[in-house]
């Protein structure tokens, strides 16, 4: 079996995503190691369907899994309990829905230890690189606030007519799922065709995401990148009620 892995020098071009390790390898979807981790490199990576994912004591690793989990905004599954939570939060003056007011805080909330334990892939170099991408207007955070305290967050990368969901956290029941509803409502309103969810999991499938073969994903990415990006990233409960009315 040939499990050769490209090792990149800083600034070196990525190999073709099709060269990622296959399902017969110990690390399916792993494409390369090394290189640089900065905003320009991240932009190049995402434009080719590649993303970084590595732990505290690991080298810089780049991935392009096959299949790729993708959520079409109109196919989000909103179960009864989530619908009730969304109505309650949208009608409670203590809660505020905001975008891009606390990007780094959202990242650090996503990096915090979870109840089930384990480490995090949102290490300091990741935080620095995505904050730089945010300053370029290519990374965004959806935020849920209660009494001016950040209680849930979701951050993503946006390129043209698509979004790449990265991570989310919540300190209140269903908070991150309500933010996913908001992102889908925003996507429907602004013509974002799909949201990349990266890894195939039962949780994502339960929310309506579906696996796409890598070739389909890359073809759709090329089409979506040619579309105009949303003119602005603002969102509040008024827009939420309008765009998410079918789920409420």
C-alpha atoms as a PDB file:
ATOM      1  CA  UNK A   1       0.000   0.000   0.000  1.00  0.00           C
ATOM      2  CA  UNK A   2       1.264   3.478  -0.922  1.00  0.00           C
ATOM      3  CA  UNK A   3       0.568   5.881   1.923  1.00  0.00           C
ATOM      4  CA  UNK A   4       3.033   8.599   0.929  1.00  0.00           C
ATOM      5  CA  UNK A   5       2.330  12.029   2.389  1.00  0.00           C
ATOM      6  CA  UNK A   6       3.472  15.364   0.980  1.00  0.00           C
ATOM      7  CA  UNK A   7       5.619  17.427   3.348  1.00  0.00           C
ATOM      8  CA  UNK A   8       5.354  21.118   2.465  1.00  0.00           C
ATOM      9  CA  UNK A   9       7.850  23.932   2.823  1.00  0.00           C
ATOM     10  CA  UNK A  10       6.489  27.361   3.819  1.00  0.00           C
ATOM     11  CA  UNK A  11       4.751  28.914   0.819  1.00  0.00           C
ATOM     12  CA  UNK A  12       4.765  25.699  -1.216  1.00  0.00           C
ATOM     13  CA  UNK A  13       1.635  24.867  -3.219  1.00  0.00           C
ATOM     14  CA  UNK A  14      -0.730  22.195  -1.950  1.00  0.00           C
ATOM     15  CA  UNK A  15      -0.885  18.888  -3.793  1.00  0.00           C
ATOM     16  CA  UNK A  16      -4.124  18.062  -5.597  1.00  0.00           C
ATOM     17  CA  UNK A  17      -6.861  17.081  -3.094  1.00  0.00           C
ATOM     18  CA  UNK A  18      -7.220  13.755  -4.888  1.00  0.00           C
ATOM     19  CA  UNK A  19      -3.805  12.806  -3.500  1.00  0.00           C
ATOM     20  CA  UNK A  20      -5.149  12.655   0.056  1.00  0.00           C
ATOM     21  CA  UNK A  21      -4.806   9.322   1.810  1.00  0.00           C
ATOM     22  CA  UNK A  22      -7.652   6.935   1.033  1.00  0.00           C
ATOM     23  CA  UNK A  23     -10.005   4.889   3.172  1.00  0.00           C
ATOM     24  CA  UNK A  24      -7.481   2.039   3.348  1.00  0.00           C
ATOM     25  CA  UNK A  25      -4.979   4.231   5.215  1.00  0.00           C
ATOM     26  CA  UNK A  26      -4.745   4.951   8.962  1.00  0.00           C
ATOM     27  CA  UNK A  27      -5.676   8.612   8.319  1.00  0.00           C
ATOM     28  CA  UNK A  28      -8.245   8.870   5.502  1.00  0.00           C
ATOM     29  CA  UNK A  29      -8.362  12.346   3.993  1.00  0.00           C
ATOM     30  CA  UNK A  30      -4.934  13.465   5.213  1.00  0.00           C
ATOM     31  CA  UNK A  31      -3.285  15.355   2.356  1.00  0.00           C
ATOM     32  CA  UNK A  32      -0.088  17.021   3.570  1.00  0.00           C
ATOM     33  CA  UNK A  33       1.985  18.119   6.545  1.00  0.00           C
ATOM     34  CA  UNK A  34       3.959  21.277   7.158  1.00  0.00           C
ATOM     35  CA  UNK A  35       3.918  24.531   5.228  1.00  0.00           C
ATOM     36  CA  UNK A  36       2.639  27.829   6.644  1.00  0.00           C
ATOM     37  CA  UNK A  37      -0.388  28.662   8.761  1.00  0.00           C
ATOM     38  CA  UNK A  38      -1.442  32.218   7.972  1.00  0.00           C
ATOM     39  CA  UNK A  39      -4.384  34.011   6.392  1.00  0.00           C
ATOM     40  CA  UNK A  40      -3.187  33.833   2.743  1.00  0.00           C
ATOM     41  CA  UNK A  41      -2.418  30.114   3.082  1.00  0.00           C
ATOM     42  CA  UNK A  42      -5.814  29.464   4.666  1.00  0.00           C
ATOM     43  CA  UNK A  43      -7.528  31.295   1.821  1.00  0.00           C
ATOM     44  CA  UNK A  44      -5.650  29.189  -0.746  1.00  0.00           C
ATOM     45  CA  UNK A  45      -6.430  26.017   1.159  1.00  0.00           C
ATOM     46  CA  UNK A  46     -10.166  26.617   1.448  1.00  0.00           C
ATOM     47  CA  UNK A  47     -10.413  27.626  -2.199  1.00  0.00           C
ATOM     48  CA  UNK A  48      -9.109  24.131  -3.014  1.00  0.00           C
ATOM     49  CA  UNK A  49     -11.290  22.260  -0.510  1.00  0.00           C
ATOM     50  CA  UNK A  50      -8.472  21.798   2.005  1.00  0.00           C
ATOM     51  CA  UNK A  51      -8.443  22.664   5.714  1.00  0.00           C
ATOM     52  CA  UNK A  52      -6.015  22.381   8.672  1.00  0.00           C
ATOM     53  CA  UNK A  53      -6.662  20.055  11.602  1.00  0.00           C
ATOM     54  CA  UNK A  54      -4.060  19.065  14.169  1.00  0.00           C
ATOM     55  CA  UNK A  55      -3.589  18.801  17.908  1.00  0.00           C
ATOM     56  CA  UNK A  56      -1.343  20.482  20.440  1.00  0.00           C
ATOM     57  CA  UNK A  57       1.615  18.148  20.006  1.00  0.00           C
ATOM     58  CA  UNK A  58       1.162  17.382  16.309  1.00  0.00           C
ATOM     59  CA  UNK A  59       2.681  18.924  13.173  1.00  0.00           C
ATOM     60  CA  UNK A  60       0.626  21.181  10.925  1.00  0.00           C
ATOM     61  CA  UNK A  61      -1.678  18.797   9.038  1.00  0.00           C
ATOM     62  CA  UNK A  62      -3.908  19.510   6.002  1.00  0.00           C
ATOM     63  CA  UNK A  63      -6.990  17.467   5.076  1.00  0.00           C
ATOM     64  CA  UNK A  64      -9.364  16.849   2.180  1.00  0.00           C
ATOM     65  CA  UNK A  65     -11.732  14.031   3.215  1.00  0.00           C
ATOM     66  CA  UNK A  66     -13.791  11.910   0.852  1.00  0.00           C
ATOM     67  CA  UNK A  67     -16.747  11.970   1.270  1.00  0.00           C
ATOM     68  CA  UNK A  68     -17.356  15.481   2.541  1.00  0.00           C
ATOM     69  CA  UNK A  69     -20.322  16.274   4.810  1.00  0.00           C
ATOM     70  CA  UNK A  70     -22.376  19.158   3.374  1.00  0.00           C
ATOM     71  CA  UNK A  71     -25.543  20.878   4.572  1.00  0.00           C
ATOM     72  CA  UNK A  72     -27.883  22.587   2.106  1.00  0.00           C
ATOM     73  CA  UNK A  73     -29.408  25.490   4.078  1.00  0.00           C
ATOM     74  CA  UNK A  74     -32.992  24.677   3.111  1.00  0.00           C
ATOM     75  CA  UNK A  75     -32.584  21.077   4.273  1.00  0.00           C
ATOM     76  CA  UNK A  76     -31.726  21.846   7.896  1.00  0.00           C
ATOM     77  CA  UNK A  77     -33.764  19.606  10.167  1.00  0.00           C
ATOM     78  CA  UNK A  78     -35.405  21.577  12.953  1.00  0.00           C
ATOM     79  CA  UNK A  79     -36.938  19.242  15.503  1.00  0.00           C
ATOM     80  CA  UNK A  80     -39.697  20.285  17.870  1.00  0.00           C
ATOM     81  CA  UNK A  81     -37.430  20.978  20.848  1.00  0.00           C
ATOM     82  CA  UNK A  82     -35.149  23.171  18.740  1.00  0.00           C
ATOM     83  CA  UNK A  83     -38.115  25.037  17.290  1.00  0.00           C
ATOM     84  CA  UNK A  84     -39.352  25.749  20.822  1.00  0.00           C
ATOM     85  CA  UNK A  85     -35.894  26.893  21.960  1.00  0.00           C
ATOM     86  CA  UNK A  86     -35.562  29.232  18.974  1.00  0.00           C
ATOM     87  CA  UNK A  87     -38.967  30.799  19.604  1.00  0.00           C
ATOM     88  CA  UNK A  88     -38.184  31.253  23.290  1.00  0.00           C
ATOM     89  CA  UNK A  89     -34.793  32.889  22.711  1.00  0.00           C
ATOM     90  CA  UNK A  90     -36.013  35.121  19.876  1.00  0.00           C
ATOM     91  CA  UNK A  91     -38.802  36.384  22.119  1.00  0.00           C
ATOM     92  CA  UNK A  92     -36.724  36.870  25.262  1.00  0.00           C
ATOM     93  CA  UNK A  93     -35.230  40.390  25.570  1.00  0.00           C
ATOM     94  CA  UNK A  94     -32.311  39.007  27.572  1.00  0.00           C
ATOM     95  CA  UNK A  95     -31.024  37.232  24.444  1.00  0.00           C
ATOM     96  CA  UNK A  96     -29.294  38.969  21.550  1.00  0.00           C
ATOM     97  CA  UNK A  97     -28.238  37.497  18.201  1.00  0.00           C
ATOM     98  CA  UNK A  98     -25.121  39.119  16.746  1.00  0.00           C
ATOM     99  CA  UNK A  99     -22.522  38.532  14.043  1.00  0.00           C
ATOM    100  CA  UNK A 100     -18.802  39.343  14.094  1.00  0.00           C
ATOM    101  CA  UNK A 101     -18.712  41.252  17.382  1.00  0.00           C
ATOM    102  CA  UNK A 102     -16.531  38.755  19.317  1.00  0.00           C
ATOM    103  CA  UNK A 103     -14.804  36.481  16.824  1.00  0.00           C
ATOM    104  CA  UNK A 104     -11.807  35.542  18.957  1.00  0.00           C
ATOM    105  CA  UNK A 105     -14.015  34.954  22.005  1.00  0.00           C
ATOM    106  CA  UNK A 106     -16.121  32.560  19.938  1.00  0.00           C
ATOM    107  CA  UNK A 107     -13.000  30.670  18.855  1.00  0.00           C
ATOM    108  CA  UNK A 108     -11.823  30.404  22.436  1.00  0.00           C
ATOM    109  CA  UNK A 109     -15.253  29.229  23.524  1.00  0.00           C
ATOM    110  CA  UNK A 110     -15.045  26.489  20.901  1.00  0.00           C
ATOM    111  CA  UNK A 111     -11.564  25.571  22.154  1.00  0.00           C
ATOM    112  CA  UNK A 112     -12.639  25.201  25.783  1.00  0.00           C
ATOM    113  CA  UNK A 113     -12.649  21.646  27.217  1.00  0.00           C
ATOM    114  CA  UNK A 114     -15.881  19.732  26.639  1.00  0.00           C
ATOM    115  CA  UNK A 115     -17.723  17.626  29.204  1.00  0.00           C
ATOM    116  CA  UNK A 116     -16.624  14.404  27.499  1.00  0.00           C
ATOM    117  CA  UNK A 117     -12.965  15.408  27.907  1.00  0.00           C
ATOM    118  CA  UNK A 118     -10.189  15.224  25.347  1.00  0.00           C
ATOM    119  CA  UNK A 119      -8.027  17.919  23.839  1.00  0.00           C
ATOM    120  CA  UNK A 120      -8.768  20.521  21.201  1.00  0.00           C
ATOM    121  CA  UNK A 121      -7.573  21.153  17.675  1.00  0.00           C
ATOM    122  CA  UNK A 122      -8.185  24.906  18.124  1.00  0.00           C
ATOM    123  CA  UNK A 123      -4.645  25.550  19.312  1.00  0.00           C
ATOM    124  CA  UNK A 124      -3.012  28.994  19.509  1.00  0.00           C
ATOM    125  CA  UNK A 125      -1.634  28.985  15.919  1.00  0.00           C
ATOM    126  CA  UNK A 126      -5.158  28.153  14.666  1.00  0.00           C
ATOM    127  CA  UNK A 127      -6.658  31.019  16.701  1.00  0.00           C
ATOM    128  CA  UNK A 128      -4.092  33.485  15.360  1.00  0.00           C
ATOM    129  CA  UNK A 129      -4.498  32.415  11.727  1.00  0.00           C
ATOM    130  CA  UNK A 130      -8.309  32.483  11.701  1.00  0.00           C
ATOM    131  CA  UNK A 131      -8.409  35.826  13.528  1.00  0.00           C
ATOM    132  CA  UNK A 132      -6.199  37.184  10.747  1.00  0.00           C
ATOM    133  CA  UNK A 133      -8.609  35.696   8.201  1.00  0.00           C
ATOM    134  CA  UNK A 134     -11.471  37.370  10.077  1.00  0.00           C
ATOM    135  CA  UNK A 135      -9.748  40.732   9.772  1.00  0.00           C
ATOM    136  CA  UNK A 136      -9.707  40.186   6.008  1.00  0.00           C
ATOM    137  CA  UNK A 137     -13.477  39.646   6.038  1.00  0.00           C
ATOM    138  CA  UNK A 138     -13.265  35.929   5.190  1.00  0.00           C
ATOM    139  CA  UNK A 139     -14.077  34.399   8.577  1.00  0.00           C
ATOM    140  CA  UNK A 140     -17.177  35.178  10.635  1.00  0.00           C
ATOM    141  CA  UNK A 141     -18.821  34.415  13.955  1.00  0.00           C
ATOM    142  CA  UNK A 142     -22.485  33.987  14.800  1.00  0.00           C
ATOM    143  CA  UNK A 143     -23.033  34.776  18.468  1.00  0.00           C
ATOM    144  CA  UNK A 144     -25.763  34.273  21.065  1.00  0.00           C
ATOM    145  CA  UNK A 145     -25.631  36.658  24.019  1.00  0.00           C
ATOM    146  CA  UNK A 146     -27.674  36.598  27.226  1.00  0.00           C
ATOM    147  CA  UNK A 147     -27.551  39.634  29.496  1.00  0.00           C
ATOM    148  CA  UNK A 148     -24.470  40.796  27.547  1.00  0.00           C
ATOM    149  CA  UNK A 149     -22.659  37.513  28.209  1.00  0.00           C
ATOM    150  CA  UNK A 150     -21.570  35.295  25.319  1.00  0.00           C
ATOM    151  CA  UNK A 151     -23.365  31.983  25.817  1.00  0.00           C
ATOM    152  CA  UNK A 152     -23.003  30.313  22.401  1.00  0.00           C
ATOM    153  CA  UNK A 153     -20.962  30.797  19.268  1.00  0.00           C
ATOM    154  CA  UNK A 154     -20.290  29.413  15.825  1.00  0.00           C
ATOM    155  CA  UNK A 155     -17.484  30.420  13.482  1.00  0.00           C
ATOM    156  CA  UNK A 156     -17.003  29.798   9.783  1.00  0.00           C
ATOM    157  CA  UNK A 157     -15.051  30.683   6.676  1.00  0.00           C
ATOM    158  CA  UNK A 158     -16.955  32.327   3.809  1.00  0.00           C
ATOM    159  CA  UNK A 159     -15.817  32.201   0.177  1.00  0.00           C
ATOM    160  CA  UNK A 160     -18.099  33.509  -2.553  1.00  0.00           C
ATOM    161  CA  UNK A 161     -21.392  31.633  -2.447  1.00  0.00           C
ATOM    162  CA  UNK A 162     -20.539  29.010   0.177  1.00  0.00           C
ATOM    163  CA  UNK A 163     -19.591  28.702   3.834  1.00  0.00           C
ATOM    164  CA  UNK A 164     -17.291  26.342   5.693  1.00  0.00           C
ATOM    165  CA  UNK A 165     -18.544  25.645   9.204  1.00  0.00           C
ATOM    166  CA  UNK A 166     -15.623  25.215  11.596  1.00  0.00           C
ATOM    167  CA  UNK A 167     -16.803  24.763  15.175  1.00  0.00           C
ATOM    168  CA  UNK A 168     -19.454  25.830  17.643  1.00  0.00           C
ATOM    169  CA  UNK A 169     -20.041  25.826  21.397  1.00  0.00           C
ATOM    170  CA  UNK A 170     -22.870  26.540  23.778  1.00  0.00           C
ATOM    171  CA  UNK A 171     -23.393  27.147  27.467  1.00  0.00           C
ATOM    172  CA  UNK A 172     -27.207  27.067  27.182  1.00  0.00           C
ATOM    173  CA  UNK A 173     -29.422  24.282  25.899  1.00  0.00           C
ATOM    174  CA  UNK A 174     -29.701  24.302  22.078  1.00  0.00           C
ATOM    175  CA  UNK A 175     -27.766  27.565  21.806  1.00  0.00           C
ATOM    176  CA  UNK A 176     -25.368  26.402  19.085  1.00  0.00           C
ATOM    177  CA  UNK A 177     -28.199  24.772  17.129  1.00  0.00           C
ATOM    178  CA  UNK A 178     -30.141  28.047  17.165  1.00  0.00           C
ATOM    179  CA  UNK A 179     -27.041  29.707  15.716  1.00  0.00           C
ATOM    180  CA  UNK A 180     -26.901  27.046  13.008  1.00  0.00           C
ATOM    181  CA  UNK A 181     -30.518  27.933  12.216  1.00  0.00           C
ATOM    182  CA  UNK A 182     -29.441  31.582  11.986  1.00  0.00           C
ATOM    183  CA  UNK A 183     -26.579  30.705   9.650  1.00  0.00           C
ATOM    184  CA  UNK A 184     -28.932  28.705   7.424  1.00  0.00           C
ATOM    185  CA  UNK A 185     -31.435  31.563   7.399  1.00  0.00           C
ATOM    186  CA  UNK A 186     -28.657  33.984   6.480  1.00  0.00           C
ATOM    187  CA  UNK A 187     -27.499  31.603   3.751  1.00  0.00           C
ATOM    188  CA  UNK A 188     -30.991  31.361   2.253  1.00  0.00           C
ATOM    189  CA  UNK A 189     -31.345  35.144   2.290  1.00  0.00           C
ATOM    190  CA  UNK A 190     -27.957  35.827   0.685  1.00  0.00           C
ATOM    191  CA  UNK A 191     -27.639  32.984  -1.789  1.00  0.00           C
ATOM    192  CA  UNK A 192     -25.047  30.868   0.005  1.00  0.00           C
ATOM    193  CA  UNK A 193     -25.534  27.510  -1.655  1.00  0.00           C
ATOM    194  CA  UNK A 194     -24.183  25.152   0.961  1.00  0.00           C
ATOM    195  CA  UNK A 195     -22.336  24.830   4.260  1.00  0.00           C
ATOM    196  CA  UNK A 196     -19.356  22.506   4.476  1.00  0.00           C
ATOM    197  CA  UNK A 197     -19.437  20.416   7.655  1.00  0.00           C
ATOM    198  CA  UNK A 198     -16.202  18.538   6.844  1.00  0.00           C
ATOM    199  CA  UNK A 199     -16.470  15.260   8.755  1.00  0.00           C
ATOM    200  CA  UNK A 200     -19.181  12.632   8.406  1.00  0.00           C
ATOM    201  CA  UNK A 201     -20.954  12.120  11.749  1.00  0.00           C
ATOM    202  CA  UNK A 202     -24.358  10.878  12.908  1.00  0.00           C
ATOM    203  CA  UNK A 203     -24.947  14.210  14.678  1.00  0.00           C
ATOM    204  CA  UNK A 204     -24.535  16.180  11.446  1.00  0.00           C
ATOM    205  CA  UNK A 205     -26.662  13.683   9.548  1.00  0.00           C
ATOM    206  CA  UNK A 206     -29.409  14.212  12.130  1.00  0.00           C
ATOM    207  CA  UNK A 207     -29.335  17.940  11.334  1.00  0.00           C
ATOM    208  CA  UNK A 208     -29.772  17.278   7.616  1.00  0.00           C
ATOM    209  CA  UNK A 209     -26.187  17.201   6.314  1.00  0.00           C
ATOM    210  CA  UNK A 210     -25.342  14.648   3.631  1.00  0.00           C
ATOM    211  CA  UNK A 211     -22.060  13.146   2.377  1.00  0.00           C
ATOM    212  CA  UNK A 212     -20.798  14.318  -1.007  1.00  0.00           C
ATOM    213  CA  UNK A 213     -18.058  12.546  -2.952  1.00  0.00           C
ATOM    214  CA  UNK A 214     -14.936  14.700  -3.100  1.00  0.00           C
ATOM    215  CA  UNK A 215     -15.280  15.224  -6.870  1.00  0.00           C
ATOM    216  CA  UNK A 216     -18.798  16.614  -6.489  1.00  0.00           C
ATOM    217  CA  UNK A 217     -17.679  18.812  -3.611  1.00  0.00           C
ATOM    218  CA  UNK A 218     -14.767  20.271  -5.570  1.00  0.00           C
ATOM    219  CA  UNK A 219     -16.930  20.908  -8.647  1.00  0.00           C
ATOM    220  CA  UNK A 220     -19.550  22.686  -6.541  1.00  0.00           C
ATOM    221  CA  UNK A 221     -16.823  24.641  -4.754  1.00  0.00           C
ATOM    222  CA  UNK A 222     -15.494  25.958  -8.065  1.00  0.00           C
ATOM    223  CA  UNK A 223     -19.006  27.120  -8.986  1.00  0.00           C
ATOM    224  CA  UNK A 224     -19.705  28.690  -5.575  1.00  0.00           C
ATOM    225  CA  UNK A 225     -16.395  30.567  -5.479  1.00  0.00           C
ATOM    226  CA  UNK A 226     -17.399  32.375  -8.690  1.00  0.00           C
ATOM    227  CA  UNK A 227     -20.519  33.789  -7.009  1.00  0.00           C
ATOM    228  CA  UNK A 228     -20.533  37.140  -5.187  1.00  0.00           C
ATOM    229  CA  UNK A 229     -20.101  37.019  -1.422  1.00  0.00           C
ATOM    230  CA  UNK A 230     -22.863  38.449   0.795  1.00  0.00           C
ATOM    231  CA  UNK A 231     -22.695  42.259   0.811  1.00  0.00           C
ATOM    232  CA  UNK A 232     -22.466  42.297   4.583  1.00  0.00           C
ATOM    233  CA  UNK A 233     -22.504  39.969   7.554  1.00  0.00           C
ATOM    234  CA  UNK A 234     -25.095  41.349   9.955  1.00  0.00           C
ATOM    235  CA  UNK A 235     -27.908  39.406  11.576  1.00  0.00           C
ATOM    236  CA  UNK A 236     -30.405  39.895  14.382  1.00  0.00           C
ATOM    237  CA  UNK A 237     -33.677  38.433  15.655  1.00  0.00           C
ATOM    238  CA  UNK A 238     -35.777  40.469  13.203  1.00  0.00           C
ATOM    239  CA  UNK A 239     -33.985  38.911  10.244  1.00  0.00           C
ATOM    240  CA  UNK A 240     -33.996  35.527  11.971  1.00  0.00           C
ATOM    241  CA  UNK A 241     -37.804  35.543  12.290  1.00  0.00           C
ATOM    242  CA  UNK A 242     -38.132  36.560   8.645  1.00  0.00           C
ATOM    243  CA  UNK A 243     -35.703  34.086   7.108  1.00  0.00           C
ATOM    244  CA  UNK A 244     -36.383  31.173   9.476  1.00  0.00           C
ATOM    245  CA  UNK A 245     -40.173  31.541   9.514  1.00  0.00           C
ATOM    246  CA  UNK A 246     -40.681  28.128   7.889  1.00  0.00           C
ATOM    247  CA  UNK A 247     -38.892  26.471  10.829  1.00  0.00           C
ATOM    248  CA  UNK A 248     -40.628  28.487  13.542  1.00  0.00           C
END
